[in-house]
Structures are given as C-alpha cells and as structure tokens.
Amino acid sequence: MKIALRKMGNSQGVIIPKTVIAELELEYEVDMTVKDKQIILSKPRDAVRVGWELAAQELTATDDDGLVWPELANQEDEDLQW
C-alpha cells in the first residue's frame, strides 16, 4: 500500500488508514522502529511495571518485603530512615 508523505509543520508524516488502525487495534500511540531502512509501526506492548504497585502493597501487608539477600546490603543501610 502506498501512502503519500504529507507536510506537517516542519516535518512530514503519513495518515494511517482507519482500516489499518482497526486491524492493529491501535488507540492512542504506536511503537515505531527503524530496521534495515524500513519503518516498522506496531501496537505498543503492555506498559512496563503494570501491577507492580499492587504487588508491592501485598508484600508489605504480608511483611514479606525484606531484603532477599541481606548479606549484600550496604553498610549505610542501617542509618537510613524509611
């Protein structure tokens, strides 16, 4: 499919056809990479760290948020106020 480059301010861009957006289930953004002189647009992967806040709260609630390797702690760690 050929798509025309269009002037957009000081840049150029393309309009992605509605059918392509629907097929890829795009919403607000896309991931763009350049490889071998090709532009690759893809649906963004799930956000990094999704669910980490809830997992941390659960660890704290069960008092399971201590150091995994306490022998690797820094000497100054005991002086820190949390």
PDB file of N, CA and C in Angstrom:
ATOM      1  N   MET A   1       0.848  -1.159   0.000  1.00  0.00           N
ATOM      2  CA  MET A   1       0.000   0.000   0.000  1.00  0.00           C
ATOM      3  C   MET A   1       0.900   1.231   0.000  1.00  0.00           C
ATOM      4  N   LYS A   2       0.719   2.107  -0.927  1.00  0.00           N
ATOM      5  CA  LYS A   2       1.461   3.356  -0.973  1.00  0.00           C
ATOM      6  C   LYS A   2       0.651   4.429  -0.260  1.00  0.00           C
ATOM      7  N   ILE A   3       1.381   5.228   0.529  1.00  0.00           N
ATOM      8  CA  ILE A   3       0.762   6.336   1.251  1.00  0.00           C
ATOM      9  C   ILE A   3       1.623   7.571   1.012  1.00  0.00           C
ATOM     10  N   ALA A   4       0.993   8.683   0.745  1.00  0.00           N
ATOM     11  CA  ALA A   4       1.724   9.925   0.457  1.00  0.00           C
ATOM     12  C   ALA A   4       2.302  10.518   1.736  1.00  0.00           C
ATOM     13  N   LEU A   5       3.516  11.069   1.617  1.00  0.00           N
ATOM     14  CA  LEU A   5       4.086  11.863   2.699  1.00  0.00           C
ATOM     15  C   LEU A   5       3.412  13.221   2.672  1.00  0.00           C
ATOM     16  N   ARG A   6       3.021  13.714   3.828  1.00  0.00           N
ATOM     17  CA  ARG A   6       2.332  14.999   3.897  1.00  0.00           C
ATOM     18  C   ARG A   6       3.117  15.950   4.786  1.00  0.00           C
ATOM     19  N   LYS A   7       3.126  17.201   4.406  1.00  0.00           N
ATOM     20  CA  LYS A   7       3.789  18.223   5.188  1.00  0.00           C
ATOM     21  C   LYS A   7       3.012  18.434   6.485  1.00  0.00           C
ATOM     22  N   MET A   8       3.727  18.373   7.611  1.00  0.00           N
ATOM     23  CA  MET A   8       3.118  18.598   8.925  1.00  0.00           C
ATOM     24  C   MET A   8       4.048  19.507   9.713  1.00  0.00           C
ATOM     25  N   GLY A   9       3.816  20.807   9.627  1.00  0.00           N
ATOM     26  CA  GLY A   9       4.727  21.765  10.248  1.00  0.00           C
ATOM     27  C   GLY A   9       6.080  21.694   9.566  1.00  0.00           C
ATOM     28  N   ASN A  10       7.146  21.539  10.354  1.00  0.00           N
ATOM     29  CA  ASN A  10       8.494  21.415   9.799  1.00  0.00           C
ATOM     30  C   ASN A  10       8.843  19.963   9.481  1.00  0.00           C
ATOM     31  N   SER A  11       7.910  19.055   9.664  1.00  0.00           N
ATOM     32  CA  SER A  11       8.155  17.631   9.456  1.00  0.00           C
ATOM     33  C   SER A  11       7.286  17.115   8.325  1.00  0.00           C
ATOM     34  N   GLN A  12       7.374  15.832   8.101  1.00  0.00           N
ATOM     35  CA  GLN A  12       6.474  15.145   7.181  1.00  0.00           C
ATOM     36  C   GLN A  12       5.890  13.950   7.912  1.00  0.00           C
ATOM     37  N   GLY A  13       4.733  13.524   7.488  1.00  0.00           N
ATOM     38  CA  GLY A  13       4.086  12.398   8.132  1.00  0.00           C
ATOM     39  C   GLY A  13       3.176  11.668   7.175  1.00  0.00           C
ATOM     40  N   VAL A  14       2.560  10.632   7.688  1.00  0.00           N
ATOM     41  CA  VAL A  14       1.602   9.846   6.905  1.00  0.00           C
ATOM     42  C   VAL A  14       0.306   9.715   7.693  1.00  0.00           C
ATOM     43  N   ILE A  15      -0.755   9.532   6.977  1.00  0.00           N
ATOM     44  CA  ILE A  15      -2.048   9.252   7.581  1.00  0.00           C
ATOM     45  C   ILE A  15      -2.240   7.733   7.525  1.00  0.00           C
ATOM     46  N   ILE A  16      -2.464   7.132   8.684  1.00  0.00           N
ATOM     47  CA  ILE A  16      -2.680   5.680   8.727  1.00  0.00           C
ATOM     48  C   ILE A  16      -4.164   5.430   8.481  1.00  0.00           C
ATOM     49  N   PRO A  17      -4.488   4.630   7.469  1.00  0.00           N
ATOM     50  CA  PRO A  17      -5.892   4.366   7.163  1.00  0.00           C
ATOM     51  C   PRO A  17      -6.643   3.746   8.348  1.00  0.00           C
ATOM     52  N   LYS A  18      -7.897   4.123   8.474  1.00  0.00           N
ATOM     53  CA  LYS A  18      -8.739   3.649   9.568  1.00  0.00           C
ATOM     54  C   LYS A  18      -8.788   2.126   9.620  1.00  0.00           C
ATOM     55  N   THR A  19      -8.787   1.474   8.471  1.00  0.00           N
ATOM     56  CA  THR A  19      -8.853   0.005   8.456  1.00  0.00           C
ATOM     57  C   THR A  19      -7.604  -0.616   9.089  1.00  0.00           C
ATOM     58  N   VAL A  20      -6.450   0.012   8.864  1.00  0.00           N
ATOM     59  CA  VAL A  20      -5.202  -0.492   9.458  1.00  0.00           C
ATOM     60  C   VAL A  20      -5.225  -0.280  10.965  1.00  0.00           C
ATOM     61  N   ILE A  21      -5.692   0.871  11.389  1.00  0.00           N
ATOM     62  CA  ILE A  21      -5.788   1.157  12.821  1.00  0.00           C
ATOM     63  C   ILE A  21      -6.711   0.151  13.498  1.00  0.00           C
ATOM     64  N   ALA A  22      -7.829  -0.151  12.859  1.00  0.00           N
ATOM     65  CA  ALA A  22      -8.767  -1.124  13.424  1.00  0.00           C
ATOM     66  C   ALA A  22      -8.159  -2.527  13.456  1.00  0.00           C
ATOM     67  N   GLU A  23      -7.465  -2.907  12.391  1.00  0.00           N
ATOM     68  CA  GLU A  23      -6.867  -4.243  12.324  1.00  0.00           C
ATOM     69  C   GLU A  23      -5.816  -4.433  13.416  1.00  0.00           C
ATOM     70  N   LEU A  24      -5.032  -3.399  13.691  1.00  0.00           N
ATOM     71  CA  LEU A  24      -3.987  -3.481  14.716  1.00  0.00           C
ATOM     72  C   LEU A  24      -4.506  -3.153  16.114  1.00  0.00           C
ATOM     73  N   GLU A  25      -5.769  -2.736  16.198  1.00  0.00           N
ATOM     74  CA  GLU A  25      -6.389  -2.359  17.465  1.00  0.00           C
ATOM     75  C   GLU A  25      -5.600  -1.252  18.164  1.00  0.00           C
ATOM     76  N   LEU A  26      -5.211  -0.246  17.379  1.00  0.00           N
ATOM     77  CA  LEU A  26      -4.465   0.878  17.927  1.00  0.00           C
ATOM     78  C   LEU A  26      -5.425   1.853  18.590  1.00  0.00           C
ATOM     79  N   GLU A  27      -4.906   2.559  19.617  1.00  0.00           N
ATOM     80  CA  GLU A  27      -5.747   3.545  20.290  1.00  0.00           C
ATOM     81  C   GLU A  27      -5.106   4.929  20.266  1.00  0.00           C
ATOM     82  N   TYR A  28      -4.052   5.140  21.051  1.00  0.00           N
ATOM     83  CA  TYR A  28      -3.505   6.487  21.183  1.00  0.00           C
ATOM     84  C   TYR A  28      -2.059   6.612  20.727  1.00  0.00           C
ATOM     85  N   GLU A  29      -1.363   5.499  20.613  1.00  0.00           N
ATOM     86  CA  GLU A  29       0.048   5.577  20.244  1.00  0.00           C
ATOM     87  C   GLU A  29       0.477   4.272  19.570  1.00  0.00           C
ATOM     88  N   VAL A  30       1.632   4.341  18.908  1.00  0.00           N
ATOM     89  CA  VAL A  30       2.219   3.157  18.286  1.00  0.00           C
ATOM     90  C   VAL A  30       3.703   3.120  18.636  1.00  0.00           C
ATOM     91  N   ASP A  31       4.295   1.938  18.595  1.00  0.00           N
ATOM     92  CA  ASP A  31       5.744   1.804  18.698  1.00  0.00           C
ATOM     93  C   ASP A  31       6.312   1.928  17.293  1.00  0.00           C
ATOM     94  N   MET A  32       7.356   2.728  17.139  1.00  0.00           N
ATOM     95  CA  MET A  32       7.993   2.892  15.836  1.00  0.00           C
ATOM     96  C   MET A  32       9.460   2.497  15.959  1.00  0.00           C
ATOM     97  N   THR A  33       9.896   1.623  15.068  1.00  0.00           N
ATOM     98  CA  THR A  33      11.300   1.247  15.000  1.00  0.00           C
ATOM     99  C   THR A  33      11.751   1.371  13.548  1.00  0.00           C
ATOM    100  N   VAL A  34      13.045   1.545  13.373  1.00  0.00           N
ATOM    101  CA  VAL A  34      13.631   1.596  12.037  1.00  0.00           C
ATOM    102  C   VAL A  34      14.635   0.464  11.962  1.00  0.00           C
ATOM    103  N   LYS A  35      14.476  -0.397  10.954  1.00  0.00           N
ATOM    104  CA  LYS A  35      15.366  -1.548  10.786  1.00  0.00           C
ATOM    105  C   LYS A  35      15.575  -1.788   9.303  1.00  0.00           C
ATOM    106  N   ASP A  36      16.831  -1.885   8.919  1.00  0.00           N
ATOM    107  CA  ASP A  36      17.160  -2.139   7.507  1.00  0.00           C
ATOM    108  C   ASP A  36      16.454  -1.152   6.578  1.00  0.00           C
ATOM    109  N   LYS A  37      16.490   0.111   6.962  1.00  0.00           N
ATOM    110  CA  LYS A  37      15.879   1.185   6.170  1.00  0.00           C
ATOM    111  C   LYS A  37      14.373   1.021   5.994  1.00  0.00           C
ATOM    112  N   GLN A  38      13.730   0.362   6.951  1.00  0.00           N
ATOM    113  CA  GLN A  38      12.278   0.214   6.940  1.00  0.00           C
ATOM    114  C   GLN A  38      11.715   0.796   8.231  1.00  0.00           C
ATOM    115  N   ILE A  39      10.608   1.479   8.133  1.00  0.00           N
ATOM    116  CA  ILE A  39       9.896   1.982   9.308  1.00  0.00           C
ATOM    117  C   ILE A  39       8.881   0.915   9.695  1.00  0.00           C
ATOM    118  N   ILE A  40       8.923   0.504  10.946  1.00  0.00           N
ATOM    119  CA  ILE A  40       8.010  -0.528  11.431  1.00  0.00           C
ATOM    120  C   ILE A  40       7.147   0.081  12.526  1.00  0.00           C
ATOM    121  N   LEU A  41       5.851   0.131  12.296  1.00  0.00           N
ATOM    122  CA  LEU A  41       4.893   0.595  13.288  1.00  0.00           C
ATOM    123  C   LEU A  41       4.182  -0.627  13.857  1.00  0.00           C
ATOM    124  N   SER A  42       4.072  -0.686  15.175  1.00  0.00           N
ATOM    125  CA  SER A  42       3.398  -1.830  15.786  1.00  0.00           C
ATOM    126  C   SER A  42       2.628  -1.387  17.020  1.00  0.00           C
ATOM    127  N   LYS A  43       1.723  -2.228  17.436  1.00  0.00           N
ATOM    128  CA  LYS A  43       0.939  -1.947  18.629  1.00  0.00           C
ATOM    129  C   LYS A  43       1.872  -1.978  19.831  1.00  0.00           C
ATOM    130  N   PRO A  44       1.771  -0.977  20.706  1.00  0.00           N
ATOM    131  CA  PRO A  44       2.656  -0.964  21.875  1.00  0.00           C
ATOM    132  C   PRO A  44       2.435  -2.187  22.750  1.00  0.00           C
ATOM    133  N   ARG A  45       3.547  -2.671  23.295  1.00  0.00           N
ATOM    134  CA  ARG A  45       3.442  -3.769  24.253  1.00  0.00           C
ATOM    135  C   ARG A  45       2.821  -3.230  25.524  1.00  0.00           C
ATOM    136  N   ASP A  46       2.379  -4.142  26.374  1.00  0.00           N
ATOM    137  CA  ASP A  46       1.813  -3.715  27.648  1.00  0.00           C
ATOM    138  C   ASP A  46       2.818  -2.853  28.394  1.00  0.00           C
ATOM    139  N   ALA A  47       2.313  -1.908  29.116  1.00  0.00           N
ATOM    140  CA  ALA A  47       3.181  -0.992  29.847  1.00  0.00           C
ATOM    141  C   ALA A  47       4.071  -1.754  30.827  1.00  0.00           C
ATOM    142  N   VAL A  48       5.281  -1.284  30.952  1.00  0.00           N
ATOM    143  CA  VAL A  48       6.228  -1.880  31.874  1.00  0.00           C
ATOM    144  C   VAL A  48       5.780  -1.597  33.307  1.00  0.00           C
ATOM    145  N   ARG A  49       5.963  -2.538  34.153  1.00  0.00           N
ATOM    146  CA  ARG A  49       5.678  -2.426  35.590  1.00  0.00           C
ATOM    147  C   ARG A  49       4.188  -2.397  35.911  1.00  0.00           C
ATOM    148  N   VAL A  50       3.346  -2.852  35.000  1.00  0.00           N
ATOM    149  CA  VAL A  50       1.925  -2.911  35.295  1.00  0.00           C
ATOM    150  C   VAL A  50       1.714  -3.896  36.442  1.00  0.00           C
ATOM    151  N   GLY A  51       1.022  -3.478  37.463  1.00  0.00           N
ATOM    152  CA  GLY A  51       0.727  -4.347  38.600  1.00  0.00           C
ATOM    153  C   GLY A  51       1.785  -4.336  39.695  1.00  0.00           C
ATOM    154  N   TRP A  52       2.887  -3.644  39.480  1.00  0.00           N
ATOM    155  CA  TRP A  52       3.946  -3.628  40.491  1.00  0.00           C
ATOM    156  C   TRP A  52       3.486  -2.955  41.777  1.00  0.00           C
ATOM    157  N   GLU A  53       2.696  -1.898  41.666  1.00  0.00           N
ATOM    158  CA  GLU A  53       2.244  -1.181  42.863  1.00  0.00           C
ATOM    159  C   GLU A  53       1.416  -2.100  43.750  1.00  0.00           C
ATOM    160  N   LEU A  54       0.473  -2.824  43.157  1.00  0.00           N
ATOM    161  CA  LEU A  54      -0.362  -3.741  43.923  1.00  0.00           C
ATOM    162  C   LEU A  54       0.472  -4.866  44.531  1.00  0.00           C
ATOM    163  N   ALA A  55       1.418  -5.398  43.757  1.00  0.00           N
ATOM    164  CA  ALA A  55       2.276  -6.467  44.268  1.00  0.00           C
ATOM    165  C   ALA A  55       3.106  -5.976  45.450  1.00  0.00           C
ATOM    166  N   ALA A  56       3.616  -4.759  45.380  1.00  0.00           N
ATOM    167  CA  ALA A  56       4.396  -4.200  46.486  1.00  0.00           C
ATOM    168  C   ALA A  56       3.531  -4.010  47.723  1.00  0.00           C
ATOM    169  N   GLN A  57       2.311  -3.570  47.533  1.00  0.00           N
ATOM    170  CA  GLN A  57       1.393  -3.405  48.664  1.00  0.00           C
ATOM    171  C   GLN A  57       1.093  -4.749  49.323  1.00  0.00           C
ATOM    172  N   GLU A  58       0.923  -5.790  48.506  1.00  0.00           N
ATOM    173  CA  GLU A  58       0.667  -7.127  49.053  1.00  0.00           C
ATOM    174  C   GLU A  58       1.869  -7.644  49.830  1.00  0.00           C
ATOM    175  N   LEU A  59       3.072  -7.400  49.316  1.00  0.00           N
ATOM    176  CA  LEU A  59       4.281  -7.818  50.027  1.00  0.00           C
ATOM    177  C   LEU A  59       4.381  -7.104  51.371  1.00  0.00           C
ATOM    178  N   THR A  60       4.094  -5.816  51.383  1.00  0.00           N
ATOM    179  CA  THR A  60       4.160  -5.047  52.615  1.00  0.00           C
ATOM    180  C   THR A  60       3.121  -5.547  53.614  1.00  0.00           C
ATOM    181  N   ALA A  61       1.924  -5.827  53.133  1.00  0.00           N
ATOM    182  CA  ALA A  61       0.843  -6.283  54.013  1.00  0.00           C
ATOM    183  C   ALA A  61       1.164  -7.629  54.655  1.00  0.00           C
ATOM    184  N   THR A  62       1.885  -8.477  53.958  1.00  0.00           N
ATOM    185  CA  THR A  62       2.229  -9.801  54.496  1.00  0.00           C
ATOM    186  C   THR A  62       3.598  -9.800  55.171  1.00  0.00           C
ATOM    187  N   ASP A  63       4.194  -8.598  55.331  1.00  0.00           N
ATOM    188  CA  ASP A  63       5.507  -8.432  55.961  1.00  0.00           C
ATOM    189  C   ASP A  63       6.577  -9.249  55.250  1.00  0.00           C
ATOM    190  N   ASP A  64       6.445  -9.326  53.906  1.00  0.00           N
ATOM    191  CA  ASP A  64       7.382 -10.108  53.089  1.00  0.00           C
ATOM    192  C   ASP A  64       8.185  -9.188  52.171  1.00  0.00           C
ATOM    193  N   ASP A  65       8.500  -7.980  52.673  1.00  0.00           N
ATOM    194  CA  ASP A  65       9.197  -7.016  51.833  1.00  0.00           C
ATOM    195  C   ASP A  65      10.638  -6.776  52.301  1.00  0.00           C
ATOM    196  N   GLY A  66      11.210  -7.742  53.003  1.00  0.00           N
ATOM    197  CA  GLY A  66      12.595  -7.616  53.454  1.00  0.00           C
ATOM    198  C   GLY A  66      13.568  -7.875  52.315  1.00  0.00           C
ATOM    199  N   LEU A  67      14.842  -7.642  52.598  1.00  0.00           N
ATOM    200  CA  LEU A  67      15.876  -7.883  51.603  1.00  0.00           C
ATOM    201  C   LEU A  67      15.947  -9.368  51.270  1.00  0.00           C
ATOM    202  N   VAL A  68      16.068  -9.672  50.003  1.00  0.00           N
ATOM    203  CA  VAL A  68      16.189 -11.060  49.571  1.00  0.00           C
ATOM    204  C   VAL A  68      17.586 -11.572  49.899  1.00  0.00           C
ATOM    205  N   TRP A  69      18.569 -10.724  49.727  1.00  0.00           N
ATOM    206  CA  TRP A  69      19.961 -11.083  50.020  1.00  0.00           C
ATOM    207  C   TRP A  69      20.502 -10.094  51.047  1.00  0.00           C
ATOM    208  N   PRO A  70      20.110 -10.223  52.303  1.00  0.00           N
ATOM    209  CA  PRO A  70      20.524  -9.219  53.289  1.00  0.00           C
ATOM    210  C   PRO A  70      22.037  -9.097  53.427  1.00  0.00           C
ATOM    211  N   GLU A  71      22.792 -10.145  53.140  1.00  0.00           N
ATOM    212  CA  GLU A  71      24.244 -10.059  53.257  1.00  0.00           C
ATOM    213  C   GLU A  71      24.853  -9.105  52.220  1.00  0.00           C
ATOM    214  N   LEU A  72      24.080  -8.700  51.221  1.00  0.00           N
ATOM    215  CA  LEU A  72      24.575  -7.772  50.215  1.00  0.00           C
ATOM    216  C   LEU A  72      24.152  -6.337  50.489  1.00  0.00           C
ATOM    217  N   ALA A  73      23.616  -6.087  51.650  1.00  0.00           N
ATOM    218  CA  ALA A  73      23.191  -4.730  51.981  1.00  0.00           C
ATOM    219  C   ALA A  73      24.400  -3.815  52.115  1.00  0.00           C
ATOM    220  N   ASN A  74      24.164  -2.530  51.941  1.00  0.00           N
ATOM    221  CA  ASN A  74      25.220  -1.537  52.127  1.00  0.00           C
ATOM    222  C   ASN A  74      25.386  -1.242  53.611  1.00  0.00           C
ATOM    223  N   GLN A  75      26.578  -0.918  54.022  1.00  0.00           N
ATOM    224  CA  GLN A  75      26.833  -0.634  55.431  1.00  0.00           C
ATOM    225  C   GLN A  75      25.977   0.528  55.931  1.00  0.00           C
ATOM    226  N   GLU A  76      25.729   1.499  55.066  1.00  0.00           N
ATOM    227  CA  GLU A  76      24.953   2.684  55.455  1.00  0.00           C
ATOM    228  C   GLU A  76      23.450   2.422  55.532  1.00  0.00           C
ATOM    229  N   ASP A  77      22.977   1.250  55.078  1.00  0.00           N
ATOM    230  CA  ASP A  77      21.542   0.984  55.055  1.00  0.00           C
ATOM    231  C   ASP A  77      20.905   1.096  56.432  1.00  0.00           C
ATOM    232  N   GLU A  78      21.621   0.717  57.469  1.00  0.00           N
ATOM    233  CA  GLU A  78      21.060   0.764  58.820  1.00  0.00           C
ATOM    234  C   GLU A  78      20.765   2.196  59.258  1.00  0.00           C
ATOM    235  N   ASP A  79      21.489   3.161  58.699  1.00  0.00           N
ATOM    236  CA  ASP A  79      21.306   4.567  59.086  1.00  0.00           C
ATOM    237  C   ASP A  79      20.145   5.233  58.356  1.00  0.00           C
ATOM    238  N   LEU A  80      19.607   4.597  57.328  1.00  0.00           N
ATOM    239  CA  LEU A  80      18.540   5.209  56.533  1.00  0.00           C
ATOM    240  C   LEU A  80      17.224   5.224  57.293  1.00  0.00           C
ATOM    241  N   GLN A  81      16.473   6.320  57.152  1.00  0.00           N
ATOM    242  CA  GLN A  81      15.149   6.447  57.733  1.00  0.00           C
ATOM    243  C   GLN A  81      14.122   6.246  56.622  1.00  0.00           C
ATOM    244  N   TRP A  82      13.279   5.269  56.710  1.00  0.00           N
ATOM    245  CA  TRP A  82      12.267   4.993  55.684  1.00  0.00           C
ATOM    246  C   TRP A  82      10.943   5.551  56.103  1.00  0.00           C
TER     247      TRP A  82
END
